[in-house]
Amino acid sequence: MKFGATGKFPAGKLNETDKGEIVCGISYDMENDLIRIEFGTPLTWMAMEPEHAADFANTILNKVKLSNALKL
């Protein structure tokens, strides 16, 4: 999967700096013990509806739980 801007604006264009929808990946890097978020493009800000923010946060928390489970 390719990360980065899709060129779509599912919530409409918020302002002139809005680059639209971003496809990102969230993973656990076991070797360096880090949660990695890959955006595929430089970002200065991001916004999302509360439902999507909760999903984003839960995905990060699930990677943290995975990292903890793998350390046992």
PDB file of N, CA and C in Angstrom:
ATOM      1  N   MET A   1       0.835  -1.175   0.000  1.00  0.00           N
ATOM      2  CA  MET A   1       0.000   0.000   0.000  1.00  0.00           C
ATOM      3  C   MET A   1       0.885   1.245   0.000  1.00  0.00           C
ATOM      4  N   LYS A   2       0.509   2.224  -0.764  1.00  0.00           N
ATOM      5  CA  LYS A   2       1.248   3.477  -0.845  1.00  0.00           C
ATOM      6  C   LYS A   2       0.674   4.465   0.161  1.00  0.00           C
ATOM      7  N   PHE A   3       1.559   5.058   0.967  1.00  0.00           N
ATOM      8  CA  PHE A   3       1.148   6.057   1.939  1.00  0.00           C
ATOM      9  C   PHE A   3       1.275   7.445   1.344  1.00  0.00           C
ATOM     10  N   GLY A   4       0.428   8.364   1.803  1.00  0.00           N
ATOM     11  CA  GLY A   4       0.500   9.752   1.358  1.00  0.00           C
ATOM     12  C   GLY A   4      -0.860  10.280   0.967  1.00  0.00           C
ATOM     13  N   ALA A   5      -0.844  11.439   0.354  1.00  0.00           N
ATOM     14  CA  ALA A   5      -2.070  12.119  -0.051  1.00  0.00           C
ATOM     15  C   ALA A   5      -2.781  11.354  -1.162  1.00  0.00           C
ATOM     16  N   THR A   6      -4.103  11.288  -1.066  1.00  0.00           N
ATOM     17  CA  THR A   6      -4.901  10.596  -2.086  1.00  0.00           C
ATOM     18  C   THR A   6      -5.497  11.553  -3.111  1.00  0.00           C
ATOM     19  N   GLY A   7      -5.474  12.848  -2.795  1.00  0.00           N
ATOM     20  CA  GLY A   7      -6.102  13.836  -3.674  1.00  0.00           C
ATOM     21  C   GLY A   7      -7.590  13.982  -3.420  1.00  0.00           C
ATOM     22  N   LYS A   8      -8.110  13.246  -2.432  1.00  0.00           N
ATOM     23  CA  LYS A   8      -9.536  13.320  -2.089  1.00  0.00           C
ATOM     24  C   LYS A   8      -9.722  14.220  -0.869  1.00  0.00           C
ATOM     25  N   PHE A   9     -10.894  14.811  -0.760  1.00  0.00           N
ATOM     26  CA  PHE A   9     -11.240  15.680   0.358  1.00  0.00           C
ATOM     27  C   PHE A   9     -12.587  15.226   0.915  1.00  0.00           C
ATOM     28  N   PRO A  10     -12.596  14.120   1.682  1.00  0.00           N
ATOM     29  CA  PRO A  10     -13.861  13.547   2.145  1.00  0.00           C
ATOM     30  C   PRO A  10     -14.667  14.472   3.058  1.00  0.00           C
ATOM     31  N   ALA A  11     -14.036  15.398   3.752  1.00  0.00           N
ATOM     32  CA  ALA A  11     -14.755  16.349   4.613  1.00  0.00           C
ATOM     33  C   ALA A  11     -14.803  17.734   3.981  1.00  0.00           C
ATOM     34  N   GLY A  12     -14.462  17.817   2.696  1.00  0.00           N
ATOM     35  CA  GLY A  12     -14.353  19.110   2.031  1.00  0.00           C
ATOM     36  C   GLY A  12     -12.994  19.729   2.334  1.00  0.00           C
ATOM     37  N   LYS A  13     -12.599  20.705   1.538  1.00  0.00           N
ATOM     38  CA  LYS A  13     -11.306  21.361   1.744  1.00  0.00           C
ATOM     39  C   LYS A  13     -11.467  22.399   2.856  1.00  0.00           C
ATOM     40  N   LEU A  14     -10.705  22.207   3.950  1.00  0.00           N
ATOM     41  CA  LEU A  14     -10.858  23.059   5.133  1.00  0.00           C
ATOM     42  C   LEU A  14     -10.258  24.445   4.961  1.00  0.00           C
ATOM     43  N   ASN A  15      -9.126  24.527   4.252  1.00  0.00           N
ATOM     44  CA  ASN A  15      -8.493  25.817   3.952  1.00  0.00           C
ATOM     45  C   ASN A  15      -7.475  25.603   2.834  1.00  0.00           C
ATOM     46  N   GLU A  16      -6.750  26.666   2.476  1.00  0.00           N
ATOM     47  CA  GLU A  16      -5.825  26.579   1.345  1.00  0.00           C
ATOM     48  C   GLU A  16      -4.624  25.670   1.612  1.00  0.00           C
ATOM     49  N   THR A  17      -4.353  25.338   2.872  1.00  0.00           N
ATOM     50  CA  THR A  17      -3.229  24.443   3.174  1.00  0.00           C
ATOM     51  C   THR A  17      -3.649  22.983   3.285  1.00  0.00           C
ATOM     52  N   ASP A  18      -4.937  22.719   3.151  1.00  0.00           N
ATOM     53  CA  ASP A  18      -5.454  21.351   3.257  1.00  0.00           C
ATOM     54  C   ASP A  18      -4.996  20.537   2.059  1.00  0.00           C
ATOM     55  N   LYS A  19      -4.272  19.452   2.323  1.00  0.00           N
ATOM     56  CA  LYS A  19      -3.790  18.573   1.252  1.00  0.00           C
ATOM     57  C   LYS A  19      -4.696  17.367   1.054  1.00  0.00           C
ATOM     58  N   GLY A  20      -5.785  17.319   1.811  1.00  0.00           N
ATOM     59  CA  GLY A  20      -6.748  16.250   1.631  1.00  0.00           C
ATOM     60  C   GLY A  20      -6.415  15.008   2.433  1.00  0.00           C
ATOM     61  N   GLU A  21      -7.120  13.961   2.075  1.00  0.00           N
ATOM     62  CA  GLU A  21      -7.004  12.675   2.758  1.00  0.00           C
ATOM     63  C   GLU A  21      -5.577  12.133   2.676  1.00  0.00           C
ATOM     64  N   ILE A  22      -5.118  11.551   3.777  1.00  0.00           N
ATOM     65  CA  ILE A  22      -3.795  10.931   3.839  1.00  0.00           C
ATOM     66  C   ILE A  22      -3.967   9.460   4.215  1.00  0.00           C
ATOM     67  N   VAL A  23      -3.338   8.591   3.465  1.00  0.00           N
ATOM     68  CA  VAL A  23      -3.278   7.179   3.834  1.00  0.00           C
ATOM     69  C   VAL A  23      -1.992   6.998   4.634  1.00  0.00           C
ATOM     70  N   CYS A  24      -2.125   6.465   5.845  1.00  0.00           N
ATOM     71  CA  CYS A  24      -0.938   6.273   6.679  1.00  0.00           C
ATOM     72  C   CYS A  24      -0.907   4.848   7.212  1.00  0.00           C
ATOM     73  N   GLY A  25       0.238   4.469   7.714  1.00  0.00           N
ATOM     74  CA  GLY A  25       0.411   3.151   8.308  1.00  0.00           C
ATOM     75  C   GLY A  25       0.944   3.285   9.721  1.00  0.00           C
ATOM     76  N   ILE A  26       0.473   2.416  10.612  1.00  0.00           N
ATOM     77  CA  ILE A  26       0.925   2.413  11.994  1.00  0.00           C
ATOM     78  C   ILE A  26       1.442   1.014  12.294  1.00  0.00           C
ATOM     79  N   SER A  27       2.676   0.937  12.750  1.00  0.00           N
ATOM     80  CA  SER A  27       3.275  -0.372  13.001  1.00  0.00           C
ATOM     81  C   SER A  27       4.135  -0.331  14.268  1.00  0.00           C
ATOM     82  N   TYR A  28       4.501  -1.519  14.726  1.00  0.00           N
ATOM     83  CA  TYR A  28       5.425  -1.651  15.850  1.00  0.00           C
ATOM     84  C   TYR A  28       6.759  -2.136  15.315  1.00  0.00           C
ATOM     85  N   ASP A  29       7.807  -1.374  15.568  1.00  0.00           N
ATOM     86  CA  ASP A  29       9.175  -1.711  15.171  1.00  0.00           C
ATOM     87  C   ASP A  29       9.831  -2.418  16.356  1.00  0.00           C
ATOM     88  N   MET A  30       9.853  -3.755  16.306  1.00  0.00           N
ATOM     89  CA  MET A  30      10.399  -4.552  17.413  1.00  0.00           C
ATOM     90  C   MET A  30      11.883  -4.276  17.647  1.00  0.00           C
ATOM     91  N   GLU A  31      12.634  -4.125  16.582  1.00  0.00           N
ATOM     92  CA  GLU A  31      14.084  -3.953  16.694  1.00  0.00           C
ATOM     93  C   GLU A  31      14.441  -2.706  17.502  1.00  0.00           C
ATOM     94  N   ASN A  32      13.685  -1.620  17.294  1.00  0.00           N
ATOM     95  CA  ASN A  32      13.982  -0.363  17.975  1.00  0.00           C
ATOM     96  C   ASN A  32      12.990  -0.035  19.089  1.00  0.00           C
ATOM     97  N   ASP A  33      12.025  -0.924  19.310  1.00  0.00           N
ATOM     98  CA  ASP A  33      10.988  -0.744  20.327  1.00  0.00           C
ATOM     99  C   ASP A  33      10.284   0.603  20.179  1.00  0.00           C
ATOM    100  N   LEU A  34       9.768   0.840  18.961  1.00  0.00           N
ATOM    101  CA  LEU A  34       9.086   2.095  18.644  1.00  0.00           C
ATOM    102  C   LEU A  34       7.760   1.837  17.939  1.00  0.00           C
ATOM    103  N   ILE A  35       6.793   2.698  18.203  1.00  0.00           N
ATOM    104  CA  ILE A  35       5.566   2.716  17.409  1.00  0.00           C
ATOM    105  C   ILE A  35       5.836   3.677  16.263  1.00  0.00           C
ATOM    106  N   ARG A  36       5.706   3.194  15.038  1.00  0.00           N
ATOM    107  CA  ARG A  36       6.034   3.999  13.852  1.00  0.00           C
ATOM    108  C   ARG A  36       4.761   4.393  13.125  1.00  0.00           C
ATOM    109  N   ILE A  37       4.646   5.677  12.815  1.00  0.00           N
ATOM    110  CA  ILE A  37       3.518   6.181  12.025  1.00  0.00           C
ATOM    111  C   ILE A  37       4.097   6.761  10.746  1.00  0.00           C
ATOM    112  N   GLU A  38       3.753   6.159   9.626  1.00  0.00           N
ATOM    113  CA  GLU A  38       4.271   6.572   8.318  1.00  0.00           C
ATOM    114  C   GLU A  38       3.171   7.309   7.565  1.00  0.00           C
ATOM    115  N   PHE A  39       3.407   8.594   7.268  1.00  0.00           N
ATOM    116  CA  PHE A  39       2.426   9.405   6.559  1.00  0.00           C
ATOM    117  C   PHE A  39       2.681   9.457   5.057  1.00  0.00           C
ATOM    118  N   GLY A  40       3.890   9.209   4.640  1.00  0.00           N
ATOM    119  CA  GLY A  40       4.201   9.212   3.217  1.00  0.00           C
ATOM    120  C   GLY A  40       4.378  10.601   2.619  1.00  0.00           C
ATOM    121  N   THR A  41       4.235  11.624   3.444  1.00  0.00           N
ATOM    122  CA  THR A  41       4.379  13.004   2.986  1.00  0.00           C
ATOM    123  C   THR A  41       4.602  13.893   4.198  1.00  0.00           C
ATOM    124  N   PRO A  42       5.298  15.016   4.039  1.00  0.00           N
ATOM    125  CA  PRO A  42       5.439  15.934   5.178  1.00  0.00           C
ATOM    126  C   PRO A  42       4.062  16.515   5.559  1.00  0.00           C
ATOM    127  N   LEU A  43       3.841  16.658   6.856  1.00  0.00           N
ATOM    128  CA  LEU A  43       2.587  17.221   7.354  1.00  0.00           C
ATOM    129  C   LEU A  43       2.877  18.401   8.264  1.00  0.00           C
ATOM    130  N   THR A  44       2.041  19.423   8.183  1.00  0.00           N
ATOM    131  CA  THR A  44       2.124  20.516   9.148  1.00  0.00           C
ATOM    132  C   THR A  44       0.953  20.441  10.123  1.00  0.00           C
ATOM    133  N   TRP A  45      -0.138  19.810   9.714  1.00  0.00           N
ATOM    134  CA  TRP A  45      -1.289  19.611  10.590  1.00  0.00           C
ATOM    135  C   TRP A  45      -2.144  18.491  10.025  1.00  0.00           C
ATOM    136  N   MET A  46      -3.007  17.966  10.877  1.00  0.00           N
ATOM    137  CA  MET A  46      -3.985  16.989  10.415  1.00  0.00           C
ATOM    138  C   MET A  46      -5.252  17.168  11.229  1.00  0.00           C
ATOM    139  N   ALA A  47      -6.364  16.854  10.615  1.00  0.00           N
ATOM    140  CA  ALA A  47      -7.663  16.975  11.275  1.00  0.00           C
ATOM    141  C   ALA A  47      -8.505  15.786  10.862  1.00  0.00           C
ATOM    142  N   MET A  48      -9.397  15.375  11.756  1.00  0.00           N
ATOM    143  CA  MET A  48     -10.296  14.275  11.439  1.00  0.00           C
ATOM    144  C   MET A  48     -11.517  14.360  12.331  1.00  0.00           C
ATOM    145  N   GLU A  49     -12.569  13.710  11.874  1.00  0.00           N
ATOM    146  CA  GLU A  49     -13.784  13.651  12.666  1.00  0.00           C
ATOM    147  C   GLU A  49     -13.498  12.855  13.939  1.00  0.00           C
ATOM    148  N   PRO A  50     -14.231  13.142  15.031  1.00  0.00           N
ATOM    149  CA  PRO A  50     -13.981  12.444  16.295  1.00  0.00           C
ATOM    150  C   PRO A  50     -13.972  10.920  16.172  1.00  0.00           C
ATOM    151  N   GLU A  51     -14.859  10.366  15.366  1.00  0.00           N
ATOM    152  CA  GLU A  51     -14.901   8.907  15.183  1.00  0.00           C
ATOM    153  C   GLU A  51     -13.582   8.383  14.606  1.00  0.00           C
ATOM    154  N   HIS A  52     -13.040   9.096  13.619  1.00  0.00           N
ATOM    155  CA  HIS A  52     -11.781   8.677  13.008  1.00  0.00           C
ATOM    156  C   HIS A  52     -10.609   8.915  13.956  1.00  0.00           C
ATOM    157  N   ALA A  53     -10.679   9.981  14.753  1.00  0.00           N
ATOM    158  CA  ALA A  53      -9.634  10.231  15.747  1.00  0.00           C
ATOM    159  C   ALA A  53      -9.595   9.097  16.768  1.00  0.00           C
ATOM    160  N   ALA A  54     -10.764   8.628  17.185  1.00  0.00           N
ATOM    161  CA  ALA A  54     -10.827   7.506  18.131  1.00  0.00           C
ATOM    162  C   ALA A  54     -10.238   6.249  17.505  1.00  0.00           C
ATOM    163  N   ASP A  55     -10.550   5.986  16.237  1.00  0.00           N
ATOM    164  CA  ASP A  55      -9.988   4.825  15.540  1.00  0.00           C
ATOM    165  C   ASP A  55      -8.460   4.935  15.444  1.00  0.00           C
ATOM    166  N   PHE A  56      -7.974   6.122  15.117  1.00  0.00           N
ATOM    167  CA  PHE A  56      -6.536   6.373  15.000  1.00  0.00           C
ATOM    168  C   PHE A  56      -5.855   6.109  16.347  1.00  0.00           C
ATOM    169  N   ALA A  57      -6.431   6.663  17.414  1.00  0.00           N
ATOM    170  CA  ALA A  57      -5.884   6.472  18.755  1.00  0.00           C
ATOM    171  C   ALA A  57      -5.915   5.006  19.167  1.00  0.00           C
ATOM    172  N   ASN A  58      -7.015   4.318  18.880  1.00  0.00           N
ATOM    173  CA  ASN A  58      -7.121   2.894  19.235  1.00  0.00           C
ATOM    174  C   ASN A  58      -6.103   2.051  18.478  1.00  0.00           C
ATOM    175  N   THR A  59      -5.853   2.395  17.229  1.00  0.00           N
ATOM    176  CA  THR A  59      -4.851   1.660  16.457  1.00  0.00           C
ATOM    177  C   THR A  59      -3.471   1.829  17.085  1.00  0.00           C
ATOM    178  N   ILE A  60      -3.144   3.047  17.498  1.00  0.00           N
ATOM    179  CA  ILE A  60      -1.866   3.283  18.162  1.00  0.00           C
ATOM    180  C   ILE A  60      -1.806   2.498  19.478  1.00  0.00           C
ATOM    181  N   LEU A  61      -2.877   2.561  20.267  1.00  0.00           N
ATOM    182  CA  LEU A  61      -2.902   1.831  21.535  1.00  0.00           C
ATOM    183  C   LEU A  61      -2.778   0.327  21.338  1.00  0.00           C
ATOM    184  N   ASN A  62      -3.372  -0.198  20.276  1.00  0.00           N
ATOM    185  CA  ASN A  62      -3.246  -1.630  19.986  1.00  0.00           C
ATOM    186  C   ASN A  62      -1.802  -2.006  19.668  1.00  0.00           C
ATOM    187  N   LYS A  63      -1.073  -1.125  19.004  1.00  0.00           N
ATOM    188  CA  LYS A  63       0.350  -1.389  18.725  1.00  0.00           C
ATOM    189  C   LYS A  63       1.165  -1.351  20.023  1.00  0.00           C
ATOM    190  N   VAL A  64       0.772  -0.459  20.943  1.00  0.00           N
ATOM    191  CA  VAL A  64       1.437  -0.420  22.251  1.00  0.00           C
ATOM    192  C   VAL A  64       1.192  -1.726  23.005  1.00  0.00           C
ATOM    193  N   LYS A  65      -0.052  -2.198  22.979  1.00  0.00           N
ATOM    194  CA  LYS A  65      -0.387  -3.481  23.638  1.00  0.00           C
ATOM    195  C   LYS A  65       0.408  -4.620  23.012  1.00  0.00           C
ATOM    196  N   LEU A  66       0.544  -4.602  21.690  1.00  0.00           N
ATOM    197  CA  LEU A  66       1.332  -5.629  21.004  1.00  0.00           C
ATOM    198  C   LEU A  66       2.790  -5.564  21.468  1.00  0.00           C
ATOM    199  N   SER A  67       3.328  -4.369  21.554  1.00  0.00           N
ATOM    200  CA  SER A  67       4.730  -4.241  21.984  1.00  0.00           C
ATOM    201  C   SER A  67       4.904  -4.786  23.399  1.00  0.00           C
ATOM    202  N   ASN A  68       3.958  -4.499  24.269  1.00  0.00           N
ATOM    203  CA  ASN A  68       4.027  -5.002  25.649  1.00  0.00           C
ATOM    204  C   ASN A  68       3.907  -6.522  25.688  1.00  0.00           C
ATOM    205  N   ALA A  69       3.015  -7.077  24.889  1.00  0.00           N
ATOM    206  CA  ALA A  69       2.817  -8.536  24.862  1.00  0.00           C
ATOM    207  C   ALA A  69       4.059  -9.252  24.347  1.00  0.00           C
ATOM    208  N   LEU A  70       4.732  -8.665  23.382  1.00  0.00           N
ATOM    209  CA  LEU A  70       5.926  -9.301  22.811  1.00  0.00           C
ATOM    210  C   LEU A  70       7.126  -9.236  23.759  1.00  0.00           C
ATOM    211  N   LYS A  71       7.063  -8.358  24.751  1.00  0.00           N
ATOM    212  CA  LYS A  71       8.166  -8.235  25.706  1.00  0.00           C
ATOM    213  C   LYS A  71       8.049  -9.221  26.853  1.00  0.00           C
ATOM    214  N   LEU A  72       6.886  -9.867  27.001  1.00  0.00           N
ATOM    215  CA  LEU A  72       6.666 -10.812  28.118  1.00  0.00           C
ATOM    216  C   LEU A  72       7.454 -12.078  27.935  1.00  0.00           C
TER     217      LEU A  72
END
